[in-house]
Amino acid sequence: MRAVGLTIQTQCTGSFVADLPTIKELEKALSEAGSAHHEYEMVTLSGIRDQLWPGFYSAYVLGKLGNFTRPSVLSQLLESSPDSDNWSKTAAETVHKILLK
C-alpha cells in the first residue's frame, strides 16, 4: 500500500520527496522501464546500447509513479545502483533507502 501524502526533505540531496512510492511499486516500474528500454534499443537504436539509459528509466518511472523526486536525482541513483540478478529490486531498494535518509 502506498504512503499517502508522505513528504520529506532528504539530507543527502536536499530535495523534497513527495508521495514516495513503495519498494514494490518502484521495482515494478523499473522492470517495466527495462522492458520498454530494451524495445527502444532494439527498434529505434537498431540494437546499439543506449549510454543515456538512466534518463530513459527516470522519465518512465516518474511518468508512471509521479514526481516523487527530481529526474536528475533519480538518474544518478539508478546509475549508481549495484548490478545484481534482480537489478530492478536492488535499484528500488537503493533508491528508497537513499531518498528516505
C-alpha atoms as a PDB file:
ATOM      1  CA  MET A   1       0.000   0.000   0.000  1.00  0.00           C
ATOM      2  CA  ARG A   2       1.293   3.444  -0.884  1.00  0.00           C
ATOM      3  CA  ALA A   3       2.040   6.038   1.788  1.00  0.00           C
ATOM      4  CA  VAL A   4      -0.373   8.887   1.153  1.00  0.00           C
ATOM      5  CA  GLY A   5       0.978  12.395   1.342  1.00  0.00           C
ATOM      6  CA  LEU A   6       4.427  11.369   2.584  1.00  0.00           C
ATOM      7  CA  THR A   7       6.626  14.383   2.005  1.00  0.00           C
ATOM      8  CA  ILE A   8      10.128  14.537   3.410  1.00  0.00           C
ATOM      9  CA  GLN A   9      13.274  16.511   2.804  1.00  0.00           C
ATOM     10  CA  THR A  10      16.269  14.353   2.179  1.00  0.00           C
ATOM     11  CA  GLN A  11      19.558  15.117   3.847  1.00  0.00           C
ATOM     12  CA  CYS A  12      21.697  13.681   1.054  1.00  0.00           C
ATOM     13  CA  THR A  13      20.132  15.613  -1.831  1.00  0.00           C
ATOM     14  CA  GLY A  14      18.301  18.453  -0.117  1.00  0.00           C
ATOM     15  CA  SER A  15      15.368  17.811  -2.428  1.00  0.00           C
ATOM     16  CA  PHE A  16      11.814  17.236  -1.366  1.00  0.00           C
ATOM     17  CA  VAL A  17      10.360  13.781  -1.867  1.00  0.00           C
ATOM     18  CA  ALA A  18       6.591  13.818  -2.259  1.00  0.00           C
ATOM     19  CA  ASP A  19       4.459  10.677  -2.207  1.00  0.00           C
ATOM     20  CA  LEU A  20       7.416   8.310  -2.203  1.00  0.00           C
ATOM     21  CA  PRO A  21       6.319   5.037  -3.799  1.00  0.00           C
ATOM     22  CA  THR A  22       6.828   1.720  -2.062  1.00  0.00           C
ATOM     23  CA  ILE A  23       9.761  -0.517  -2.925  1.00  0.00           C
ATOM     24  CA  LYS A  24       7.386  -2.896  -4.738  1.00  0.00           C
ATOM     25  CA  GLU A  25       5.939  -0.027  -6.805  1.00  0.00           C
ATOM     26  CA  LEU A  26       9.451   1.146  -7.706  1.00  0.00           C
ATOM     27  CA  GLU A  27      10.560  -2.383  -8.555  1.00  0.00           C
ATOM     28  CA  LYS A  28       7.570  -2.915 -10.862  1.00  0.00           C
ATOM     29  CA  ALA A  29       8.051   0.436 -12.611  1.00  0.00           C
ATOM     30  CA  LEU A  30      11.788  -0.210 -13.063  1.00  0.00           C
ATOM     31  CA  SER A  31      11.075  -3.643 -14.519  1.00  0.00           C
ATOM     32  CA  GLU A  32       8.572  -2.109 -16.947  1.00  0.00           C
ATOM     33  CA  ALA A  33      11.089   0.615 -17.818  1.00  0.00           C
ATOM     34  CA  GLY A  34      13.648  -2.101 -18.564  1.00  0.00           C
ATOM     35  CA  SER A  35      11.282  -3.829 -20.989  1.00  0.00           C
ATOM     36  CA  ALA A  36      10.362  -0.551 -22.690  1.00  0.00           C
ATOM     37  CA  HIS A  37      14.019   0.472 -22.890  1.00  0.00           C
ATOM     38  CA  HIS A  38      15.059  -2.867 -24.381  1.00  0.00           C
ATOM     39  CA  GLU A  39      12.457  -2.415 -27.121  1.00  0.00           C
ATOM     40  CA  TYR A  40      13.690   1.164 -27.688  1.00  0.00           C
ATOM     41  CA  GLU A  41      17.282  -0.060 -28.080  1.00  0.00           C
ATOM     42  CA  MET A  42      16.280  -2.858 -30.464  1.00  0.00           C
ATOM     43  CA  VAL A  43      13.816  -0.945 -32.639  1.00  0.00           C
ATOM     44  CA  THR A  44      14.888   2.686 -32.547  1.00  0.00           C
ATOM     45  CA  LEU A  45      18.632   2.299 -31.986  1.00  0.00           C
ATOM     46  CA  SER A  46      18.964  -0.889 -34.090  1.00  0.00           C
ATOM     47  CA  GLY A  47      20.484  -2.843 -31.193  1.00  0.00           C
ATOM     48  CA  ILE A  48      23.012  -0.207 -30.117  1.00  0.00           C
ATOM     49  CA  ARG A  49      23.397   0.210 -26.353  1.00  0.00           C
ATOM     50  CA  ASP A  50      21.923   3.462 -25.064  1.00  0.00           C
ATOM     51  CA  GLN A  51      24.511   5.183 -22.876  1.00  0.00           C
ATOM     52  CA  LEU A  52      21.845   7.588 -21.599  1.00  0.00           C
ATOM     53  CA  TRP A  53      19.640   4.816 -20.176  1.00  0.00           C
ATOM     54  CA  PRO A  54      19.288   6.377 -16.676  1.00  0.00           C
ATOM     55  CA  GLY A  55      17.377   9.308 -18.176  1.00  0.00           C
ATOM     56  CA  PHE A  56      15.032   6.963 -20.041  1.00  0.00           C
ATOM     57  CA  TYR A  57      14.360   4.925 -16.898  1.00  0.00           C
ATOM     58  CA  SER A  58      13.851   8.070 -14.796  1.00  0.00           C
ATOM     59  CA  ALA A  59      11.381   9.551 -17.248  1.00  0.00           C
ATOM     60  CA  TYR A  60       9.451   6.285 -17.397  1.00  0.00           C
ATOM     61  CA  VAL A  61       9.352   5.759 -13.618  1.00  0.00           C
ATOM     62  CA  LEU A  62       8.445   9.363 -12.788  1.00  0.00           C
ATOM     63  CA  GLY A  63       5.785   9.354 -15.506  1.00  0.00           C
ATOM     64  CA  LYS A  64       4.282   6.205 -14.032  1.00  0.00           C
ATOM     65  CA  LEU A  65       4.620   6.966 -10.298  1.00  0.00           C
ATOM     66  CA  GLY A  66       4.602  10.756 -10.167  1.00  0.00           C
ATOM     67  CA  ASN A  67       7.306  13.303  -9.497  1.00  0.00           C
ATOM     68  CA  PHE A  68       8.471  11.997  -6.131  1.00  0.00           C
ATOM     69  CA  THR A  69      11.971  13.370  -6.785  1.00  0.00           C
ATOM     70  CA  ARG A  70      13.862  15.299  -9.466  1.00  0.00           C
ATOM     71  CA  PRO A  71      14.719  13.371 -12.649  1.00  0.00           C
ATOM     72  CA  SER A  72      18.428  14.172 -12.234  1.00  0.00           C
ATOM     73  CA  VAL A  73      18.429  12.732  -8.701  1.00  0.00           C
ATOM     74  CA  LEU A  74      16.682   9.542  -9.778  1.00  0.00           C
ATOM     75  CA  SER A  75      19.005   9.148 -12.782  1.00  0.00           C
ATOM     76  CA  GLN A  76      22.073   9.387 -10.548  1.00  0.00           C
ATOM     77  CA  LEU A  77      20.650   6.887  -8.064  1.00  0.00           C
ATOM     78  CA  LEU A  78      19.806   4.397 -10.805  1.00  0.00           C
ATOM     79  CA  GLU A  79      23.221   4.727 -12.407  1.00  0.00           C
ATOM     80  CA  SER A  80      24.924   4.079  -9.073  1.00  0.00           C
ATOM     81  CA  SER A  81      22.738   1.094  -8.137  1.00  0.00           C
ATOM     82  CA  PRO A  82      24.789  -2.100  -7.940  1.00  0.00           C
ATOM     83  CA  ASP A  83      24.372  -4.870 -10.505  1.00  0.00           C
ATOM     84  CA  SER A  84      22.541  -7.961  -9.329  1.00  0.00           C
ATOM     85  CA  ASP A  85      20.471 -10.877 -10.611  1.00  0.00           C
ATOM     86  CA  ASN A  86      17.344  -8.831  -9.888  1.00  0.00           C
ATOM     87  CA  TRP A  87      18.506  -5.295 -10.679  1.00  0.00           C
ATOM     88  CA  SER A  88      15.002  -3.805 -10.546  1.00  0.00           C
ATOM     89  CA  LYS A  89      14.594  -4.941  -6.945  1.00  0.00           C
ATOM     90  CA  THR A  90      18.115  -3.904  -5.914  1.00  0.00           C
ATOM     91  CA  ALA A  91      17.736  -0.494  -7.566  1.00  0.00           C
ATOM     92  CA  ALA A  92      14.302   0.037  -5.987  1.00  0.00           C
ATOM     93  CA  GLU A  93      15.711  -0.744  -2.546  1.00  0.00           C
ATOM     94  CA  THR A  94      18.695   1.543  -3.141  1.00  0.00           C
ATOM     95  CA  VAL A  95      16.535   4.448  -4.341  1.00  0.00           C
ATOM     96  CA  HIS A  96      14.087   4.054  -1.476  1.00  0.00           C
ATOM     97  CA  LYS A  97      16.810   3.815   1.167  1.00  0.00           C
ATOM     98  CA  ILE A  98      18.670   6.898  -0.062  1.00  0.00           C
ATOM     99  CA  LEU A  99      15.569   9.031  -0.566  1.00  0.00           C
ATOM    100  CA  LEU A 100      14.413   8.263   2.965  1.00  0.00           C
ATOM    101  CA  LYS A 101      17.725   9.393   4.505  1.00  0.00           C
END
